[in-house]
Every structure is written in C-alpha cells, then in structure tokens.
C-alpha cells in the first residue's frame, strides 16, 4: 500500500501497548519506527524493531510538544502517532504548538475524545443518539445519592481512568452498595450501572471523519484474574447488528483514529449495549493482526492519505501470552501444540526480539538481589 519508506514517531513510548504496536508495524518493510519516552528504562528501547529511541525527562506539556517538534525536524518524521490516552489528550489540547500539524496521525476532536474517554459523558452521548447502553447513574463523594433509585444487581466502576478491570465491583443488594459508599474505596466519581445478563463482545475500529475504514469483532473466552480483567483469549466473529451500532456511534462522534469498544450482549433485551470506548490502541492489537487487520500500519497509511478497501478478517481463535500461560497451567498438553502456539499466540514476536524480554526479566531479577545497578549494567551490556 505505502509505496515508499516512511518514518513513524511514537511519542509516548512508556505506554503499556508499545510492544504490540511495534510488533504490528514491524510486519511492514520500509517503516522506520522512532520511539520517544519519558522513561529511559523501558525494555522496548532495546528492541530490534526500534530504529531510534529518544529519552526526554517528563516536565511540562509544552515541553512534551516541543520534544515532538524536535524529533520531527531532526529525523524528518512522516507520521506522529500517539498510542495511549495521556499523550493523545495533551496533543489535542496543544495542537496549535505542533510545528508540522500535517504530520499528525488521524485524531478526533478534543471534545469528542473526552466524550468517548469519560464514561459519564459517553453515556449521555449514547442516550442523546438513541444507542443502547446500561442504565447508568453518576455518584460523587459527599453528594447525596438516593439508593432507592437503584435496581439490583448493579455494576460500580470509576467514571474515568484506572482500566484493566480495576475498581469494578458488582453489588446485588443495598447493604453491599451502602458499605462501598461509606468506605475509602469510594474516592472519585463512580458510575452505578445496571448489570447486564449476557456476554462480553468487543469491536476494534479505525476511522476517518466518522467513517469506519477497518474493524474486527471478537468475543472473549478467557479473562485474567477476574471476569472484569482484560480478555486474554478470544474468537473473532462477524455480527451485522453490533456493527451497525458501532457504525452509528463512530459517525455521531465524527471519530478519526483508532478505538476499541467494550460491549455486552443483553440476553433479556436481545441487543448489544455499549459499555465503554477506549480511544487509543488496545491490548489485543496483535490478535487483529493475526486475523488479517494490521491496525497500526493501516492507521499510518490512512494518516498519510492512502486509500484502501476495508480489509476482511479471518474468524480465528487467539491467545495472548497470559492466556497461553494460563492454558498451560491448566493443561500441560498445550506445551506440545506448537502449530497453535505459533499461529494463534504472539510467541513468534518474543522469540524474534529476545533482548527486551531478557531486559524485562533482568529488571525483575534485579529487584530480588543486591547490589542492583552494577549487576543490571553487566547484564544489559553483555547482550
């Protein structure tokens, strides 16, 4: 698709999804990946997929933008591609300070980014646009709340931030909810949301001005430490009803860029309810790659103005590495399913790029022994 060598700058290399975005971009020849970070110790700085790593200590938002401008000028960057919420928010707030605004990847407006990222604002938007979502109420510490308005069971979760399933609880009666409201856990704005009987299902998208350019739909079949933790194994499938709801939501948000929508099938209402929108790259980006949709590459291509047909994806099963580990613990025979491991897990990327893995292991090991710095210095320099 892209007919020349290009350079991509990821300005938020400290983001937890860096490794999987790098793995996807590295599948395409001719892409030079530049990574900028406020953490000089990230394992992926040692990756053979990174053309150039630059460290800038974290200071002000203005400095962050200036550092981006410096990298763009110094290395003739073609696309500035932030990959996580914090950097995206800062860039949208200070777009006027970016010297080469034409090189910025597709992004939504600041207002629509905040609407998607904040669960309370998102629910208001869903209601205004007649899109299905669980009945939701906002509650704040110190503000009177009438518990009689709650229909149990309910899901309680922070209105913004945290992620990874953290801070989410289900309450089936008034006593449990009252205990939470009077505890130290209640320390930010929370949502009280009707608990939906059914199953989780997700949709990942790449959009431009509200139009979906690429997407995948996946249904989880294994979670991490709890059913509210991120999915670690899933199957890809198609669902026209769900897609039409996603299409409408992206259009009403006039969305540009990538997003991952957490949804849930309501078996009682027989519809798909929007739970939340992650307005950035997500933890299963590699899975979509294996299914046939390379979101990071398509994101770069679309941002450069290239047009392409909507890619079709395969209906495969996929496990993240945590899913594979969990499966092996439960069934040792998975150790011998090599064909599955290399075609349905990210194992090949770990084996093709061992230095970050070794560095990550050495950092973990360093915490267990003393002296720390000298041994780590020896380990890293010996690679």
Protein backbone atom coordinates (compact mmCIF):
# COMPACT_ATOMS: atom_id res chain seq x y z
CA UNK A 1 0.00 0.00 0.00
CA UNK A 2 2.58 2.60 1.09
CA UNK A 3 4.93 2.94 -1.87
CA UNK A 4 7.92 4.48 -0.08
CA UNK A 5 9.92 4.25 3.10
CA UNK A 6 8.29 6.16 5.94
CA UNK A 7 9.27 7.13 9.46
CA UNK A 8 6.78 6.94 12.32
CA UNK A 9 7.26 8.70 15.66
CA UNK A 10 5.61 7.18 18.72
CA UNK A 11 5.92 9.99 21.29
CA UNK A 12 4.61 8.01 24.27
CA UNK A 13 6.94 5.01 24.38
CA UNK A 14 6.18 4.47 28.05
CA UNK A 15 2.65 3.34 27.09
CA UNK A 16 1.87 -0.28 28.01
CA UNK A 17 0.80 -1.11 24.43
CA UNK A 18 4.12 -0.08 22.85
CA UNK A 19 5.39 -3.62 22.32
CA UNK A 20 2.30 -4.82 20.47
CA UNK A 21 2.15 -1.70 18.28
CA UNK A 22 5.82 -2.23 17.38
CA UNK A 23 5.17 -5.87 16.54
CA UNK A 24 2.43 -4.86 14.12
CA UNK A 25 4.37 -2.05 12.45
CA UNK A 26 7.45 -4.26 12.08
CA UNK A 27 5.48 -6.59 9.81
CA UNK A 28 5.75 -3.99 7.04
CA UNK A 29 9.04 -3.32 5.31
CA UNK A 30 10.12 0.26 4.83
CA UNK A 31 8.80 1.63 8.12
CA UNK A 32 11.36 3.19 10.44
CA UNK A 33 9.96 3.37 13.96
CA UNK A 34 11.16 6.17 16.21
CA UNK A 35 10.20 5.97 19.87
CA UNK A 36 10.27 8.86 22.32
CA UNK A 37 9.68 8.31 26.04
CA UNK A 38 9.89 9.98 29.44
CA UNK A 39 11.11 6.64 30.85
CA UNK A 40 14.68 5.77 29.96
CA UNK A 41 14.33 2.23 31.30
CA UNK A 42 11.57 0.80 29.12
CA UNK A 43 12.56 -2.68 27.88
CA UNK A 44 11.47 -1.93 24.29
CA UNK A 45 14.22 0.68 23.88
CA UNK A 46 16.42 -2.37 23.27
CA UNK A 47 14.11 -3.82 20.60
CA UNK A 48 15.45 -4.53 17.14
CA UNK A 49 12.19 -3.05 15.84
CA UNK A 50 13.08 0.45 17.12
CA UNK A 51 15.11 2.49 14.65
CA UNK A 52 15.79 5.32 17.10
CA UNK A 53 14.97 5.76 20.80
CA UNK A 54 14.98 9.22 22.41
CA UNK A 55 14.62 9.96 26.11
CA UNK A 56 13.20 13.22 27.42
CA UNK A 57 12.51 13.60 31.17
CA UNK A 58 8.89 14.35 31.98
CA UNK A 59 8.36 18.07 32.61
CA UNK A 60 5.53 20.19 31.18
CA UNK A 61 3.01 19.56 28.43
CA UNK A 62 4.56 22.36 26.41
CA UNK A 63 7.97 20.71 26.68
CA UNK A 64 6.43 17.43 25.52
CA UNK A 65 5.15 19.11 22.35
CA UNK A 66 8.50 20.83 21.83
CA UNK A 67 10.25 17.48 22.09
CA UNK A 68 7.94 16.09 19.43
CA UNK A 69 8.75 19.04 17.15
CA UNK A 70 12.44 18.47 17.72
CA UNK A 71 12.21 14.78 16.78
CA UNK A 72 10.12 15.53 13.69
CA UNK A 73 12.64 18.08 12.42
CA UNK A 74 15.74 16.08 13.33
CA UNK A 75 14.67 12.78 11.77
CA UNK A 76 12.28 14.01 9.06
CA UNK A 77 9.36 12.13 10.61
CA UNK A 78 6.39 11.39 8.34
CA UNK A 79 3.74 10.47 10.93
CA UNK A 80 3.37 11.45 14.60
CA UNK A 81 1.42 8.56 16.12
CA UNK A 82 0.47 8.78 19.82
CA UNK A 83 -0.80 5.42 21.06
CA UNK A 84 -2.33 5.99 24.52
CA UNK A 85 -4.77 8.35 26.28
CA UNK A 86 -2.37 10.68 28.11
CA UNK A 87 -0.32 11.67 25.07
CA UNK A 88 -3.38 11.90 22.83
CA UNK A 89 -5.07 14.26 25.30
CA UNK A 90 -2.01 16.51 25.59
CA UNK A 91 -1.55 16.65 21.83
CA UNK A 92 -5.21 17.51 21.25
CA UNK A 93 -5.02 20.23 23.91
CA UNK A 94 -1.90 21.77 22.36
CA UNK A 95 -2.29 21.07 18.64
CA UNK A 96 -1.54 24.73 17.92
CA UNK A 97 2.03 24.20 19.20
CA UNK A 98 2.83 21.34 16.80
CA UNK A 99 5.03 22.70 14.03
CA UNK A 100 4.13 20.08 11.41
CA UNK A 101 0.43 19.61 12.07
CA UNK A 102 0.03 17.90 8.68
CA UNK A 103 2.18 15.04 10.02
CA UNK A 104 -0.09 14.31 12.97
CA UNK A 105 -1.93 10.99 12.75
CA UNK A 106 -5.71 10.95 12.48
CA UNK A 107 -7.26 12.01 15.77
CA UNK A 108 -10.74 13.01 16.96
CA UNK A 109 -11.56 16.48 18.20
CA UNK A 110 -10.65 17.24 21.80
CA UNK A 111 -14.34 17.39 22.73
CA UNK A 112 -15.19 14.04 21.14
CA UNK A 113 -12.09 12.42 22.66
CA UNK A 114 -13.27 13.48 26.12
CA UNK A 115 -16.79 12.27 25.38
CA UNK A 116 -15.52 8.82 24.42
CA UNK A 117 -12.99 8.60 27.24
CA UNK A 118 -15.28 9.66 30.09
CA UNK A 119 -17.94 7.07 30.89
CA UNK A 120 -20.41 9.66 32.15
CA UNK A 121 -20.12 11.86 29.06
CA UNK A 122 -20.25 8.79 26.84
CA UNK A 123 -23.48 7.57 28.41
CA UNK A 124 -25.04 11.00 27.90
CA UNK A 125 -23.97 10.89 24.24
CA UNK A 126 -25.38 7.38 23.82
CA UNK A 127 -28.72 8.45 25.29
CA UNK A 128 -28.91 11.51 23.04
CA UNK A 129 -28.26 9.37 19.97
CA UNK A 130 -30.62 6.53 20.89
CA UNK A 131 -27.86 3.93 21.20
CA UNK A 132 -28.26 1.05 23.70
CA UNK A 133 -26.34 1.17 26.97
CA UNK A 134 -26.98 0.05 30.53
CA UNK A 135 -28.99 2.39 32.77
CA UNK A 136 -26.34 4.50 34.48
CA UNK A 137 -26.11 6.99 37.32
CA UNK A 138 -23.17 9.16 38.37
CA UNK A 139 -22.23 9.39 42.03
CA UNK A 140 -19.67 11.63 43.76
CA UNK A 141 -18.22 11.58 47.25
CA UNK A 142 -20.14 13.92 49.56
CA UNK A 143 -23.10 14.26 47.19
CA UNK A 144 -26.46 12.88 48.31
CA UNK A 145 -27.48 9.75 46.48
CA UNK A 146 -30.85 8.01 46.71
CA UNK A 147 -30.13 4.28 46.81
CA UNK A 148 -33.84 3.61 46.26
CA UNK A 149 -33.34 4.54 42.59
CA UNK A 150 -31.07 1.52 42.09
CA UNK A 151 -32.34 -1.72 40.56
CA UNK A 152 -30.09 -4.55 41.69
CA UNK A 153 -27.78 -6.12 40.68
CA UNK A 154 -25.54 -3.21 39.64
CA UNK A 155 -22.01 -2.74 38.40
CA UNK A 156 -20.00 0.04 40.07
CA UNK A 157 -16.89 1.43 38.36
CA UNK A 158 -14.81 4.63 38.13
CA UNK A 159 -16.09 7.15 35.57
CA UNK A 160 -12.65 7.61 34.05
CA UNK A 161 -9.17 6.15 34.20
CA UNK A 162 -7.76 3.10 36.05
CA UNK A 163 -8.62 0.41 33.48
CA UNK A 164 -7.66 -3.24 33.47
CA UNK A 165 -10.82 -4.14 35.34
CA UNK A 166 -9.56 -2.36 38.45
CA UNK A 167 -12.07 -0.65 40.71
CA UNK A 168 -15.06 -2.58 39.32
CA UNK A 169 -17.47 -4.34 41.69
CA UNK A 170 -20.88 -5.96 41.42
CA UNK A 171 -23.42 -5.40 44.20
CA UNK A 172 -26.56 -7.49 44.47
CA UNK A 173 -28.21 -5.73 47.41
CA UNK A 174 -28.39 -2.43 49.29
CA UNK A 175 -26.14 -3.48 52.15
CA UNK A 176 -23.15 -4.19 49.90
CA UNK A 177 -23.56 -0.94 47.98
CA UNK A 178 -24.01 1.06 51.19
CA UNK A 179 -20.82 -0.45 52.60
CA UNK A 180 -18.93 0.62 49.46
CA UNK A 181 -20.34 4.16 49.52
CA UNK A 182 -19.12 4.58 53.11
CA UNK A 183 -15.67 3.10 52.50
CA UNK A 184 -12.30 4.54 51.44
CA UNK A 185 -12.72 2.84 48.06
CA UNK A 186 -15.26 5.49 47.13
CA UNK A 187 -12.69 8.17 46.31
CA UNK A 188 -13.64 9.50 42.86
CA UNK A 189 -16.62 9.88 40.54
CA UNK A 190 -18.23 6.48 40.03
CA UNK A 191 -20.90 5.05 37.77
CA UNK A 192 -23.63 2.80 39.05
CA UNK A 193 -24.74 0.76 36.08
CA UNK A 194 -27.36 -1.93 35.61
CA UNK A 195 -25.70 -5.32 35.48
CA UNK A 196 -26.37 -6.83 32.06
CA UNK A 197 -27.07 -10.55 31.95
CA UNK A 198 -25.29 -11.86 28.86
CA UNK A 199 -21.77 -11.94 27.49
CA UNK A 200 -18.94 -9.55 26.58
CA UNK A 201 -18.11 -8.78 22.96
CA UNK A 202 -15.71 -6.15 21.57
CA UNK A 203 -15.20 -4.19 18.39
CA UNK A 204 -11.96 -2.52 17.27
CA UNK A 205 -12.06 0.24 14.66
CA UNK A 206 -10.01 2.62 12.57
CA UNK A 207 -11.97 5.65 11.40
CA UNK A 208 -11.66 8.84 9.42
CA UNK A 209 -14.22 11.61 9.92
CA UNK A 210 -16.75 9.15 11.31
CA UNK A 211 -16.32 6.55 8.57
CA UNK A 212 -15.04 3.11 9.58
CA UNK A 213 -12.04 2.15 7.44
CA UNK A 214 -11.23 -1.14 9.19
CA UNK A 215 -12.67 -3.19 12.04
CA UNK A 216 -12.66 -6.54 13.82
CA UNK A 217 -15.18 -8.09 16.23
CA UNK A 218 -14.09 -10.51 18.91
CA UNK A 219 -15.72 -12.42 21.75
CA UNK A 220 -13.59 -13.28 24.79
CA UNK A 221 -13.47 -16.83 26.10
CA UNK A 222 -10.86 -16.36 28.81
CA UNK A 223 -10.09 -13.47 31.19
CA UNK A 224 -7.22 -12.60 33.52
CA UNK A 225 -7.55 -12.75 37.28
CA UNK A 226 -11.23 -11.78 37.21
CA UNK A 227 -14.05 -11.56 34.69
CA UNK A 228 -13.61 -7.77 34.72
CA UNK A 229 -9.91 -8.01 33.83
CA UNK A 230 -8.83 -7.69 30.18
CA UNK A 231 -9.51 -10.64 27.89
CA UNK A 232 -6.58 -12.98 27.30
CA UNK A 233 -8.16 -15.38 24.80
CA UNK A 234 -10.95 -14.86 22.30
CA UNK A 235 -12.51 -15.75 18.96
CA UNK A 236 -13.08 -13.45 16.00
CA UNK A 237 -16.55 -13.36 14.50
CA UNK A 238 -18.97 -11.23 12.49
CA UNK A 239 -22.19 -9.60 13.71
CA UNK A 240 -24.06 -7.17 11.48
CA UNK A 241 -26.35 -5.88 14.24
CA UNK A 242 -23.45 -5.00 16.52
CA UNK A 243 -21.53 -3.41 13.64
CA UNK A 244 -24.41 -1.12 12.74
CA UNK A 245 -24.49 0.21 16.33
CA UNK A 246 -20.73 0.77 16.26
CA UNK A 247 -21.00 2.46 12.86
CA UNK A 248 -23.65 4.84 14.20
CA UNK A 249 -21.62 5.68 17.31
CA UNK A 250 -18.45 6.43 15.36
CA UNK A 251 -20.41 8.62 12.97
CA UNK A 252 -22.08 10.61 15.76
CA UNK A 253 -18.65 11.16 17.33
CA UNK A 254 -17.20 12.06 13.92
CA UNK A 255 -14.35 9.80 15.04
CA UNK A 256 -10.90 9.85 13.49
CA UNK A 257 -8.18 7.43 14.58
CA UNK A 258 -8.39 4.10 16.38
CA UNK A 259 -10.71 2.97 19.17
CA UNK A 260 -11.73 -0.21 20.95
CA UNK A 261 -15.32 -0.62 22.10
CA UNK A 262 -16.25 -2.84 25.02
CA UNK A 263 -19.81 -4.06 24.52
CA UNK A 264 -22.12 -6.61 26.10
CA UNK A 265 -24.95 -8.67 24.68
CA UNK A 266 -28.09 -8.26 26.76
CA UNK A 267 -29.93 -11.59 26.61
CA UNK A 268 -33.06 -10.08 28.15
CA UNK A 269 -33.34 -7.10 25.77
CA UNK A 270 -31.78 -9.05 22.85
CA UNK A 271 -29.45 -6.21 21.89
CA UNK A 272 -25.82 -5.12 22.22
CA UNK A 273 -25.11 -2.45 24.80
CA UNK A 274 -22.11 -0.10 24.64
CA UNK A 275 -20.16 -0.33 27.89
CA UNK A 276 -17.17 1.89 27.18
CA UNK A 277 -14.87 3.22 24.47
CA UNK A 278 -11.08 3.06 24.71
CA UNK A 279 -9.94 5.95 22.47
CA UNK A 280 -6.47 4.53 21.76
CA UNK A 281 -4.68 1.28 20.96
CA UNK A 282 -5.76 -1.74 22.98
CA UNK A 283 -4.21 -4.89 24.40
CA UNK A 284 -5.27 -7.29 21.63
CA UNK A 285 -3.97 -5.34 18.62
CA UNK A 286 -1.71 -8.29 17.69
CA UNK A 287 -4.72 -10.59 17.62
CA UNK A 288 -6.34 -8.47 14.91
CA UNK A 289 -3.05 -8.64 13.00
CA UNK A 290 -3.16 -12.45 13.05
CA UNK A 291 -6.78 -12.27 11.92
CA UNK A 292 -5.75 -10.13 8.95
CA UNK A 293 -6.09 -6.50 10.05
CA UNK A 294 -2.89 -4.60 10.88
CA UNK A 295 -4.38 -1.59 12.67
CA UNK A 296 -1.13 0.33 13.39
CA UNK A 297 0.01 0.06 9.77
CA UNK A 298 -3.42 0.99 8.38
CA UNK A 299 -3.50 3.88 10.84
CA UNK A 300 -0.22 5.20 9.47
CA UNK A 301 -1.37 4.68 5.88
CA UNK A 302 -4.72 6.43 6.41
CA UNK A 303 -2.97 9.31 8.19
CA UNK A 304 -0.73 9.75 5.15
CA UNK A 305 -3.78 9.95 2.91
CA UNK A 306 -3.60 6.49 1.35
CA UNK A 307 -6.92 4.89 0.45
CA UNK A 308 -7.64 1.17 0.78
CA UNK A 309 -10.53 -1.24 0.70
CA UNK A 310 -11.91 -2.31 4.05
CA UNK A 311 -9.86 -5.43 4.93
CA UNK A 312 -11.59 -8.72 5.63
CA UNK A 313 -10.55 -10.66 8.68
CA UNK A 314 -10.42 -14.37 9.47
CA UNK A 315 -12.57 -15.97 12.13
CA UNK A 316 -9.76 -17.40 14.22
CA UNK A 317 -9.10 -18.09 17.90
CA UNK A 318 -6.23 -16.22 19.53
CA UNK A 319 -4.48 -16.24 22.90
CA UNK A 320 -2.34 -13.53 24.40
CA UNK A 321 0.78 -14.79 26.18
CA UNK A 322 -1.05 -14.61 29.52
CA UNK A 323 -3.75 -16.79 28.02
CA UNK A 324 -1.18 -19.32 26.84
CA UNK A 325 0.47 -19.44 30.27
CA UNK A 326 -2.89 -19.91 31.95
CA UNK A 327 -3.81 -22.65 29.46
CA UNK A 328 -0.52 -24.48 30.05
CA UNK A 329 -1.07 -24.34 33.80
CA UNK A 330 -4.48 -25.93 33.32
CA UNK A 331 -3.42 -28.40 30.64
CA UNK A 332 0.26 -29.30 30.11
CA UNK A 333 -0.51 -30.69 26.64
CA UNK A 334 -0.55 -27.08 25.36
CA UNK A 335 3.26 -27.19 25.56
CA UNK A 336 3.27 -29.54 22.58
CA UNK A 337 0.74 -27.70 20.42
CA UNK A 338 3.48 -25.85 18.53
CA UNK A 339 1.44 -25.16 15.41
CA UNK A 340 -1.26 -23.48 17.53
CA UNK A 341 1.31 -21.55 19.58
CA UNK A 342 2.98 -20.01 16.54
CA UNK A 343 -0.20 -19.29 14.60
CA UNK A 344 -2.53 -18.26 17.40
CA UNK A 345 -0.31 -16.54 20.02
CA UNK A 346 2.35 -13.76 19.87
CA UNK A 347 5.14 -16.24 20.69
CA UNK A 348 7.00 -15.61 17.43
CA UNK A 349 7.49 -11.94 18.30
CA UNK A 350 9.04 -12.74 21.65
CA UNK A 351 11.45 -15.22 20.03
CA UNK A 352 12.36 -12.81 17.22
CA UNK A 353 13.14 -9.99 19.65
CA UNK A 354 14.68 -11.53 22.76
CA UNK A 355 16.62 -8.53 24.02
CA UNK A 356 13.61 -6.65 25.52
CA UNK A 357 12.35 -9.92 27.03
CA UNK A 358 15.73 -10.57 28.62
CA UNK A 359 15.91 -6.99 29.83
CA UNK A 360 12.42 -7.26 31.33
CA UNK A 361 13.44 -10.46 33.10
CA UNK A 362 16.68 -8.93 34.35
CA UNK A 363 14.82 -5.93 35.79
CA UNK A 364 12.51 -8.28 37.67
CA UNK A 365 15.52 -10.27 38.86
CA UNK A 366 17.33 -7.09 39.92
CA UNK A 367 14.63 -6.33 42.45
CA UNK A 368 15.44 -9.59 44.20
CA UNK A 369 19.17 -9.10 44.63
CA UNK A 370 21.82 -6.51 45.66
CA UNK A 371 23.77 -4.61 44.52
CA UNK A 372 21.21 -3.74 41.89
CA UNK A 373 22.75 -1.26 39.45
CA UNK A 374 26.10 -2.90 38.76
CA UNK A 375 24.60 -6.31 38.00
CA UNK A 376 21.95 -4.82 35.72
CA UNK A 377 24.61 -2.81 33.90
CA UNK A 378 26.60 -6.02 33.31
CA UNK A 379 23.55 -7.93 32.07
CA UNK A 380 22.42 -5.29 29.58
CA UNK A 381 25.86 -4.51 28.20
CA UNK A 382 26.57 -8.17 27.64
CA UNK A 383 23.66 -8.54 25.20
